[in-house]
PDB file of all heavy atoms in Angstrom:
ATOM      1  N   VAL A   1      59.933  -2.750  13.231  1.00  0.00           N
ATOM      2  CA  VAL A   1      59.291  -1.609  13.920  1.00  0.00           C
ATOM      3  C   VAL A   1      57.879  -1.571  13.631  1.00  0.00           C
ATOM      4  O   VAL A   1      57.343  -1.593  12.646  1.00  0.00           O
ATOM      5  CB  VAL A   1      59.999  -0.218  13.362  1.00  0.00           C
ATOM      6  CG1 VAL A   1      59.259   1.038  14.006  1.00  0.00           C
ATOM      7  CG2 VAL A   1      61.462  -0.171  13.632  1.00  0.00           C
ATOM      8  N   ILE A   2      57.084  -1.393  14.826  1.00  0.00           N
ATOM      9  CA  ILE A   2      55.637  -1.597  14.700  1.00  0.00           C
ATOM     10  C   ILE A   2      54.987  -0.296  15.290  1.00  0.00           C
ATOM     11  O   ILE A   2      55.355   0.213  16.358  1.00  0.00           O
ATOM     12  CB  ILE A   2      55.139  -2.792  15.553  1.00  0.00           C
ATOM     13  CG1 ILE A   2      55.774  -4.036  15.080  1.00  0.00           C
ATOM     14  CG2 ILE A   2      53.566  -2.847  15.592  1.00  0.00           C
ATOM     15  CD1 ILE A   2      55.764  -5.141  16.022  1.00  0.00           C
ATOM     16  N   ALA A   3      53.934   0.203  14.643  1.00  0.00           N
ATOM     17  CA  ALA A   3      53.030   1.346  15.166  1.00  0.00           C
ATOM     18  C   ALA A   3      51.747   0.743  15.455  1.00  0.00           C
ATOM     19  O   ALA A   3      51.176  -0.052  14.648  1.00  0.00           O
ATOM     20  CB  ALA A   3      52.950   2.515  14.151  1.00  0.00           C
ATOM     21  N   VAL A   4      51.182   0.948  16.669  1.00  0.00           N
ATOM     22  CA  VAL A   4      49.934   0.483  16.976  1.00  0.00           C
ATOM     23  C   VAL A   4      49.040   1.489  17.703  1.00  0.00           C
ATOM     24  O   VAL A   4      49.476   2.303  18.403  1.00  0.00           O
ATOM     25  CB  VAL A   4      50.171  -0.705  17.980  1.00  0.00           C
ATOM     26  CG1 VAL A   4      50.851  -0.427  19.259  1.00  0.00           C
ATOM     27  CG2 VAL A   4      48.834  -1.371  18.374  1.00  0.00           C
ATOM     28  N   SER A   5      47.772   1.478  17.285  1.00  0.00           N
ATOM     29  CA  SER A   5      46.778   2.287  17.813  1.00  0.00           C
ATOM     30  C   SER A   5      46.299   1.713  19.142  1.00  0.00           C
ATOM     31  O   SER A   5      46.126   0.546  19.206  1.00  0.00           O
ATOM     32  CB  SER A   5      45.628   2.679  16.893  1.00  0.00           C
ATOM     33  OG  SER A   5      44.613   3.235  17.449  1.00  0.00           O
ATOM     34  N   GLU A   6      46.136   2.604  20.198  1.00  0.00           N
ATOM     35  CA  GLU A   6      45.677   2.040  21.477  1.00  0.00           C
ATOM     36  C   GLU A   6      44.338   1.223  21.413  1.00  0.00           C
ATOM     37  O   GLU A   6      44.106   0.555  22.258  1.00  0.00           O
ATOM     38  CB  GLU A   6      45.524   3.234  22.488  1.00  0.00           C
ATOM     39  CG  GLU A   6      44.523   4.221  22.092  1.00  0.00           C
ATOM     40  CD  GLU A   6      44.288   5.494  23.011  1.00  0.00           C
ATOM     41  OE1 GLU A   6      45.108   5.419  23.969  1.00  0.00           O
ATOM     42  OE2 GLU A   6      43.652   6.317  22.797  1.00  0.00           O
ATOM     43  N   GLY A   7      43.551   1.562  20.435  1.00  0.00           N
ATOM     44  CA  GLY A   7      42.189   1.004  20.312  1.00  0.00           C
ATOM     45  C   GLY A   7      42.086  -0.218  19.450  1.00  0.00           C
ATOM     46  O   GLY A   7      40.998  -0.593  19.070  1.00  0.00           O
ATOM     47  N   VAL A   8      43.283  -0.887  19.208  1.00  0.00           N
ATOM     48  CA  VAL A   8      43.207  -2.098  18.431  1.00  0.00           C
ATOM     49  C   VAL A   8      42.332  -3.147  19.069  1.00  0.00           C
ATOM     50  O   VAL A   8      42.380  -3.367  20.302  1.00  0.00           O
ATOM     51  CB  VAL A   8      44.685  -2.643  18.266  1.00  0.00           C
ATOM     52  CG1 VAL A   8      44.613  -4.088  17.652  1.00  0.00           C
ATOM     53  CG2 VAL A   8      45.391  -1.846  17.208  1.00  0.00           C
ATOM     54  N   LYS A   9      41.421  -3.842  18.246  1.00  0.00           N
ATOM     55  CA  LYS A   9      40.439  -4.790  18.767  1.00  0.00           C
ATOM     56  C   LYS A   9      40.680  -6.095  18.161  1.00  0.00           C
ATOM     57  O   LYS A   9      41.266  -6.282  17.128  1.00  0.00           O
ATOM     58  CB  LYS A   9      39.127  -4.244  18.393  1.00  0.00           C
ATOM     59  CG  LYS A   9      38.786  -2.820  18.925  1.00  0.00           C
ATOM     60  CD  LYS A   9      37.469  -2.345  18.326  1.00  0.00           C
ATOM     61  CE  LYS A   9      37.174  -1.006  18.713  1.00  0.00           C
ATOM     62  NZ  LYS A   9      38.207   0.169  18.363  1.00  0.00           N
ATOM     63  N   ASP A  10      40.182  -7.141  18.896  1.00  0.00           N
ATOM     64  CA  ASP A  10      40.103  -8.423  18.380  1.00  0.00           C
ATOM     65  C   ASP A  10      38.967  -8.718  17.561  1.00  0.00           C
ATOM     66  O   ASP A  10      38.201  -7.702  17.299  1.00  0.00           O
ATOM     67  CB  ASP A  10      40.180  -9.509  19.619  1.00  0.00           C
ATOM     68  CG  ASP A  10      38.879  -9.477  20.427  1.00  0.00           C
ATOM     69  OD1 ASP A  10      37.841  -8.959  19.975  1.00  0.00           O
ATOM     70  OD2 ASP A  10      39.018  -9.994  21.597  1.00  0.00           O
ATOM     71  N   LYS A  11      38.802  -9.908  17.077  1.00  0.00           N
ATOM     72  CA  LYS A  11      37.670 -10.250  15.973  1.00  0.00           C
ATOM     73  C   LYS A  11      36.299  -9.934  16.540  1.00  0.00           C
ATOM     74  O   LYS A  11      35.379  -9.759  15.865  1.00  0.00           O
ATOM     75  CB  LYS A  11      37.876 -11.657  15.588  1.00  0.00           C
ATOM     76  CG  LYS A  11      37.657 -12.738  16.599  1.00  0.00           C
ATOM     77  CD  LYS A  11      37.867 -14.041  15.926  1.00  0.00           C
ATOM     78  CE  LYS A  11      37.731 -15.170  17.002  1.00  0.00           C
ATOM     79  NZ  LYS A  11      37.923 -16.514  16.506  1.00  0.00           N
ATOM     80  N   ASN A  12      36.173  -9.908  18.045  1.00  0.00           N
ATOM     81  CA  ASN A  12      34.986  -9.734  18.658  1.00  0.00           C
ATOM     82  C   ASN A  12      34.745  -8.222  19.058  1.00  0.00           C
ATOM     83  O   ASN A  12      33.655  -7.935  19.591  1.00  0.00           O
ATOM     84  CB  ASN A  12      34.895 -10.619  19.803  1.00  0.00           C
ATOM     85  CG  ASN A  12      34.959 -12.102  19.655  1.00  0.00           C
ATOM     86  OD1 ASN A  12      34.300 -12.555  18.746  1.00  0.00           O
ATOM     87  ND2 ASN A  12      35.816 -12.687  20.314  1.00  0.00           N
ATOM     88  N   GLY A  13      35.658  -7.447  18.573  1.00  0.00           N
ATOM     89  CA  GLY A  13      35.449  -5.948  18.710  1.00  0.00           C
ATOM     90  C   GLY A  13      35.774  -5.544  20.094  1.00  0.00           C
ATOM     91  O   GLY A  13      35.554  -4.396  20.540  1.00  0.00           O
ATOM     92  N   VAL A  14      36.655  -6.316  20.917  1.00  0.00           N
ATOM     93  CA  VAL A  14      37.110  -6.064  22.276  1.00  0.00           C
ATOM     94  C   VAL A  14      38.478  -5.423  22.214  1.00  0.00           C
ATOM     95  O   VAL A  14      39.309  -6.101  21.565  1.00  0.00           O
ATOM     96  CB  VAL A  14      37.079  -7.228  23.144  1.00  0.00           C
ATOM     97  CG1 VAL A  14      37.456  -6.797  24.592  1.00  0.00           C
ATOM     98  CG2 VAL A  14      35.702  -7.784  23.317  1.00  0.00           C
ATOM     99  N   GLU A  15      38.713  -4.222  22.726  1.00  0.00           N
ATOM    100  CA  GLU A  15      39.946  -3.629  22.738  1.00  0.00           C
ATOM    101  C   GLU A  15      41.034  -4.608  23.536  1.00  0.00           C
ATOM    102  O   GLU A  15      40.664  -5.099  24.677  1.00  0.00           O
ATOM    103  CB  GLU A  15      40.076  -2.345  23.458  1.00  0.00           C
ATOM    104  CG  GLU A  15      39.343  -1.285  22.569  1.00  0.00           C
ATOM    105  CD  GLU A  15      37.947  -0.918  22.995  1.00  0.00           C
ATOM    106  OE1 GLU A  15      37.410  -1.792  23.819  1.00  0.00           O
ATOM    107  OE2 GLU A  15      37.316   0.071  22.675  1.00  0.00           O
ATOM    108  N   LEU A  16      42.209  -4.766  22.927  1.00  0.00           N
ATOM    109  CA  LEU A  16      43.180  -5.543  23.660  1.00  0.00           C
ATOM    110  C   LEU A  16      43.688  -4.969  24.877  1.00  0.00           C
ATOM    111  O   LEU A  16      43.946  -5.771  25.884  1.00  0.00           O
ATOM    112  CB  LEU A  16      44.404  -5.680  22.610  1.00  0.00           C
ATOM    113  CG  LEU A  16      44.403  -6.930  21.676  1.00  0.00           C
ATOM    114  CD1 LEU A  16      43.296  -6.768  20.667  1.00  0.00           C
ATOM    115  CD2 LEU A  16      45.820  -6.886  20.900  1.00  0.00           C
ATOM    116  N   SER A  17      43.618  -3.651  25.052  1.00  0.00           N
ATOM    117  CA  SER A  17      44.049  -3.020  26.282  1.00  0.00           C
ATOM    118  C   SER A  17      42.976  -2.390  27.162  1.00  0.00           C
ATOM    119  O   SER A  17      43.292  -1.686  28.035  1.00  0.00           O
ATOM    120  CB  SER A  17      45.072  -2.001  25.863  1.00  0.00           C
ATOM    121  OG  SER A  17      44.512  -0.874  25.229  1.00  0.00           O
ATOM    122  N   ALA A  18      41.766  -2.636  26.830  1.00  0.00           N
ATOM    123  CA  ALA A  18      40.707  -1.946  27.595  1.00  0.00           C
ATOM    124  C   ALA A  18      40.632  -2.519  29.012  1.00  0.00           C
ATOM    125  O   ALA A  18      40.804  -3.564  29.388  1.00  0.00           O
ATOM    126  CB  ALA A  18      39.265  -2.422  26.924  1.00  0.00           C
ATOM    127  N   SER A  19      40.523  -1.424  29.878  1.00  0.00           N
ATOM    128  CA  SER A  19      40.270  -1.703  31.366  1.00  0.00           C
ATOM    129  C   SER A  19      38.739  -1.822  31.595  1.00  0.00           C
ATOM    130  O   SER A  19      38.058  -0.856  31.194  1.00  0.00           O
ATOM    131  CB  SER A  19      40.846  -0.626  32.182  1.00  0.00           C
ATOM    132  OG  SER A  19      40.539  -0.682  33.548  1.00  0.00           O
ATOM    133  N   GLN A  20      38.335  -2.822  32.277  1.00  0.00           N
ATOM    134  CA  GLN A  20      36.870  -2.952  32.497  1.00  0.00           C
ATOM    135  C   GLN A  20      36.410  -2.137  33.694  1.00  0.00           C
ATOM    136  O   GLN A  20      35.294  -2.036  33.987  1.00  0.00           O
ATOM    137  CB  GLN A  20      36.681  -4.512  32.806  1.00  0.00           C
ATOM    138  CG  GLN A  20      36.861  -5.303  31.611  1.00  0.00           C
ATOM    139  CD  GLN A  20      36.196  -4.862  30.307  1.00  0.00           C
ATOM    140  OE1 GLN A  20      35.022  -4.588  30.355  1.00  0.00           O
ATOM    141  NE2 GLN A  20      36.920  -5.040  29.183  1.00  0.00           N
ATOM    142  N   THR A  21      37.382  -1.638  34.365  1.00  0.00           N
ATOM    143  CA  THR A  21      37.089  -0.817  35.600  1.00  0.00           C
ATOM    144  C   THR A  21      37.276   0.707  35.587  1.00  0.00           C
ATOM    145  O   THR A  21      36.488   1.476  36.213  1.00  0.00           O
ATOM    146  CB  THR A  21      37.992  -1.364  36.871  1.00  0.00           C
ATOM    147  OG1 THR A  21      39.270  -1.237  36.470  1.00  0.00           O
ATOM    148  CG2 THR A  21      37.684  -2.763  37.198  1.00  0.00           C
ATOM    149  N   ASN A  22      38.160   1.195  34.692  1.00  0.00           N
ATOM    150  CA  ASN A  22      38.434   2.559  34.536  1.00  0.00           C
ATOM    151  C   ASN A  22      37.614   3.132  33.473  1.00  0.00           C
ATOM    152  O   ASN A  22      37.875   2.836  32.265  1.00  0.00           O
ATOM    153  CB  ASN A  22      39.962   2.725  34.373  1.00  0.00           C
ATOM    154  CG  ASN A  22      40.751   2.285  35.619  1.00  0.00           C
ATOM    155  OD1 ASN A  22      40.254   2.492  36.713  1.00  0.00           O
ATOM    156  ND2 ASN A  22      41.873   1.953  35.318  1.00  0.00           N
ATOM    157  N   VAL A  23      36.710   3.944  33.859  1.00  0.00           N
ATOM    158  CA  VAL A  23      35.863   4.648  32.692  1.00  0.00           C
ATOM    159  C   VAL A  23      35.847   6.103  32.876  1.00  0.00           C
ATOM    160  O   VAL A  23      35.774   6.701  34.045  1.00  0.00           O
ATOM    161  CB  VAL A  23      34.452   4.133  32.869  1.00  0.00           C
ATOM    162  CG1 VAL A  23      33.449   4.890  31.701  1.00  0.00           C
ATOM    163  CG2 VAL A  23      34.243   2.645  32.670  1.00  0.00           C
ATOM    164  N   ASP A  24      36.070   6.984  31.786  1.00  0.00           N
ATOM    165  CA  ASP A  24      36.136   8.327  32.076  1.00  0.00           C
ATOM    166  C   ASP A  24      34.852   8.995  31.991  1.00  0.00           C
ATOM    167  O   ASP A  24      33.823   8.301  31.956  1.00  0.00           O
ATOM    168  CB  ASP A  24      37.068   8.957  30.868  1.00  0.00           C
ATOM    169  CG  ASP A  24      36.533   8.801  29.469  1.00  0.00           C
ATOM    170  OD1 ASP A  24      35.242   8.651  29.288  1.00  0.00           O
ATOM    171  OD2 ASP A  24      37.218   8.967  28.502  1.00  0.00           O
ATOM    172  N   ASP A  25      34.792  10.393  32.060  1.00  0.00           N
ATOM    173  CA  ASP A  25      33.498  11.136  32.273  1.00  0.00           C
ATOM    174  C   ASP A  25      32.713  11.042  31.050  1.00  0.00           C
ATOM    175  O   ASP A  25      31.498  11.429  31.022  1.00  0.00           O
ATOM    176  CB  ASP A  25      33.799  12.532  32.663  1.00  0.00           C
ATOM    177  CG  ASP A  25      34.273  12.644  34.088  1.00  0.00           C
ATOM    178  OD1 ASP A  25      33.858  11.767  34.933  1.00  0.00           O
ATOM    179  OD2 ASP A  25      35.029  13.527  34.426  1.00  0.00           O
ATOM    180  N   PHE A  26      33.273  10.614  29.850  1.00  0.00           N
ATOM    181  CA  PHE A  26      32.515  10.426  28.591  1.00  0.00           C
ATOM    182  C   PHE A  26      31.833   9.171  28.462  1.00  0.00           C
ATOM    183  O   PHE A  26      31.246   8.842  27.477  1.00  0.00           O
ATOM    184  CB  PHE A  26      33.401  10.848  27.392  1.00  0.00           C
ATOM    185  CG  PHE A  26      33.833  12.241  27.328  1.00  0.00           C
ATOM    186  CD1 PHE A  26      35.148  12.478  27.221  1.00  0.00           C
ATOM    187  CD2 PHE A  26      32.935  13.187  27.332  1.00  0.00           C
ATOM    188  CE1 PHE A  26      35.603  13.860  27.194  1.00  0.00           C
ATOM    189  CE2 PHE A  26      33.248  14.509  27.290  1.00  0.00           C
ATOM    190  CZ  PHE A  26      34.536  14.890  27.168  1.00  0.00           C
ATOM    191  N   GLY A  27      32.119   8.208  29.425  1.00  0.00           N
ATOM    192  CA  GLY A  27      31.766   6.790  29.468  1.00  0.00           C
ATOM    193  C   GLY A  27      32.614   5.818  28.616  1.00  0.00           C
ATOM    194  O   GLY A  27      32.220   4.792  28.284  1.00  0.00           O
ATOM    195  N   HIS A  28      33.758   6.322  28.242  1.00  0.00           N
ATOM    196  CA  HIS A  28      34.724   5.542  27.473  1.00  0.00           C
ATOM    197  C   HIS A  28      35.652   4.776  28.472  1.00  0.00           C
ATOM    198  O   HIS A  28      36.050   5.335  29.466  1.00  0.00           O
ATOM    199  CB  HIS A  28      35.633   6.358  26.587  1.00  0.00           C
ATOM    200  CG  HIS A  28      34.890   7.331  25.610  1.00  0.00           C
ATOM    201  ND1 HIS A  28      35.412   8.529  25.262  1.00  0.00           N
ATOM    202  CD2 HIS A  28      33.694   7.131  25.060  1.00  0.00           C
ATOM    203  CE1 HIS A  28      34.419   9.080  24.492  1.00  0.00           C
ATOM    204  NE2 HIS A  28      33.417   8.277  24.331  1.00  0.00           N
ATOM    205  N   GLN A  29      35.936   3.486  28.161  1.00  0.00           N
ATOM    206  CA  GLN A  29      36.954   2.750  28.883  1.00  0.00           C
ATOM    207  C   GLN A  29      38.291   3.391  28.673  1.00  0.00           C
ATOM    208  O   GLN A  29      38.677   3.675  27.582  1.00  0.00           O
ATOM    209  CB  GLN A  29      36.866   1.247  28.449  1.00  0.00           C
ATOM    210  CG  GLN A  29      35.705   0.532  28.836  1.00  0.00           C
ATOM    211  CD  GLN A  29      35.670  -0.879  28.451  1.00  0.00           C
ATOM    212  OE1 GLN A  29      36.336  -1.263  27.428  1.00  0.00           O
ATOM    213  NE2 GLN A  29      34.986  -1.845  29.063  1.00  0.00           N
ATOM    214  N   GLN A  30      38.988   3.370  29.757  1.00  0.00           N
ATOM    215  CA  GLN A  30      40.324   3.845  29.701  1.00  0.00           C
ATOM    216  C   GLN A  30      41.281   2.993  29.038  1.00  0.00           C
ATOM    217  O   GLN A  30      41.356   1.788  29.374  1.00  0.00           O
ATOM    218  CB  GLN A  30      40.909   4.160  31.169  1.00  0.00           C
ATOM    219  CG  GLN A  30      42.246   4.896  31.107  1.00  0.00           C
ATOM    220  CD  GLN A  30      42.590   5.299  32.511  1.00  0.00           C
ATOM    221  OE1 GLN A  30      41.831   5.676  33.345  1.00  0.00           O
ATOM    222  NE2 GLN A  30      44.034   5.171  32.706  1.00  0.00           N
ATOM    223  N   LEU A  31      41.894   3.423  28.038  1.00  0.00           N
ATOM    224  CA  LEU A  31      42.753   2.627  27.106  1.00  0.00           C
ATOM    225  C   LEU A  31      44.314   2.887  27.439  1.00  0.00           C
ATOM    226  O   LEU A  31      44.587   3.736  28.262  1.00  0.00           O
ATOM    227  CB  LEU A  31      42.625   2.755  25.706  1.00  0.00           C
ATOM    228  CG  LEU A  31      41.169   2.386  25.198  1.00  0.00           C
ATOM    229  CD1 LEU A  31      41.058   2.588  23.702  1.00  0.00           C
ATOM    230  CD2 LEU A  31      40.876   0.997  25.559  1.00  0.00           C
ATOM    231  N   GLY A  32      45.133   2.164  26.886  1.00  0.00           N
ATOM    232  CA  GLY A  32      46.681   2.436  27.080  1.00  0.00           C
ATOM    233  C   GLY A  32      47.163   1.179  27.603  1.00  0.00           C
ATOM    234  O   GLY A  32      46.749   0.435  28.490  1.00  0.00           O
ATOM    235  N   GLY A  33      48.303   0.697  26.958  1.00  0.00           N
ATOM    236  CA  GLY A  33      48.997  -0.478  27.466  1.00  0.00           C
ATOM    237  C   GLY A  33      48.950  -1.621  26.304  1.00  0.00           C
ATOM    238  O   GLY A  33      49.279  -2.828  26.782  1.00  0.00           O
ATOM    239  N   VAL A  34      48.600  -1.356  25.076  1.00  0.00           N
ATOM    240  CA  VAL A  34      48.486  -2.462  24.167  1.00  0.00           C
ATOM    241  C   VAL A  34      49.982  -2.770  23.721  1.00  0.00           C
ATOM    242  O   VAL A  34      50.235  -3.887  23.396  1.00  0.00           O
ATOM    243  CB  VAL A  34      47.599  -1.990  22.881  1.00  0.00           C
ATOM    244  CG1 VAL A  34      48.314  -0.815  22.093  1.00  0.00           C
ATOM    245  CG2 VAL A  34      47.346  -3.170  22.099  1.00  0.00           C
ATOM    246  N   ALA A  35      50.877  -1.820  23.765  1.00  0.00           N
ATOM    247  CA  ALA A  35      52.262  -2.092  23.423  1.00  0.00           C
ATOM    248  C   ALA A  35      52.827  -3.250  24.149  1.00  0.00           C
ATOM    249  O   ALA A  35      53.540  -4.116  23.660  1.00  0.00           O
ATOM    250  CB  ALA A  35      53.116  -0.811  23.460  1.00  0.00           C
ATOM    251  N   PRO A  36      52.879  -3.212  25.556  1.00  0.00           N
ATOM    252  CA  PRO A  36      53.411  -4.291  26.244  1.00  0.00           C
ATOM    253  C   PRO A  36      52.580  -5.560  26.045  1.00  0.00           C
ATOM    254  O   PRO A  36      53.340  -6.657  26.230  1.00  0.00           O
ATOM    255  CB  PRO A  36      53.322  -3.904  27.737  1.00  0.00           C
ATOM    256  CG  PRO A  36      52.296  -2.690  27.769  1.00  0.00           C
ATOM    257  CD  PRO A  36      52.376  -2.098  26.350  1.00  0.00           C
ATOM    258  N   ILE A  37      51.397  -5.469  25.762  1.00  0.00           N
ATOM    259  CA  ILE A  37      50.715  -6.786  25.374  1.00  0.00           C
ATOM    260  C   ILE A  37      51.295  -7.442  24.168  1.00  0.00           C
ATOM    261  O   ILE A  37      51.492  -8.652  24.089  1.00  0.00           O
ATOM    262  CB  ILE A  37      49.156  -6.467  25.197  1.00  0.00           C
ATOM    263  CG1 ILE A  37      48.580  -6.087  26.648  1.00  0.00           C
ATOM    264  CG2 ILE A  37      48.433  -7.700  24.677  1.00  0.00           C
ATOM    265  CD1 ILE A  37      47.055  -5.675  26.541  1.00  0.00           C
ATOM    266  N   LEU A  38      51.496  -6.586  23.179  1.00  0.00           N
ATOM    267  CA  LEU A  38      52.150  -7.097  21.868  1.00  0.00           C
ATOM    268  C   LEU A  38      53.452  -7.549  22.130  1.00  0.00           C
ATOM    269  O   LEU A  38      53.812  -8.516  21.563  1.00  0.00           O
ATOM    270  CB  LEU A  38      51.989  -5.999  20.791  1.00  0.00           C
ATOM    271  CG  LEU A  38      50.748  -5.532  20.326  1.00  0.00           C
ATOM    272  CD1 LEU A  38      50.820  -4.299  19.363  1.00  0.00           C
ATOM    273  CD2 LEU A  38      49.865  -6.616  19.688  1.00  0.00           C
ATOM    274  N   ALA A  39      54.294  -6.873  22.910  1.00  0.00           N
ATOM    275  CA  ALA A  39      55.605  -7.246  23.233  1.00  0.00           C
ATOM    276  C   ALA A  39      55.624  -8.584  23.891  1.00  0.00           C
ATOM    277  O   ALA A  39      56.501  -9.460  23.559  1.00  0.00           O
ATOM    278  CB  ALA A  39      56.247  -6.194  24.051  1.00  0.00           C
ATOM    279  N   GLY A  40      54.571  -8.903  24.808  1.00  0.00           N
ATOM    280  CA  GLY A  40      54.581 -10.205  25.472  1.00  0.00           C
ATOM    281  C   GLY A  40      54.301 -11.250  24.537  1.00  0.00           C
ATOM    282  O   GLY A  40      54.791 -12.413  24.558  1.00  0.00           O
TER     283      GLY A  40
END
């Protein structure tokens, strides 16, 4: 059983699930979707 934070990053500081196109009004990249990446 694994718990994962949506903001998990690689060694270069890039979020595994970051969308490069979706940015919210605070200027933050929209996250979400790291679980299926890990599952894959």
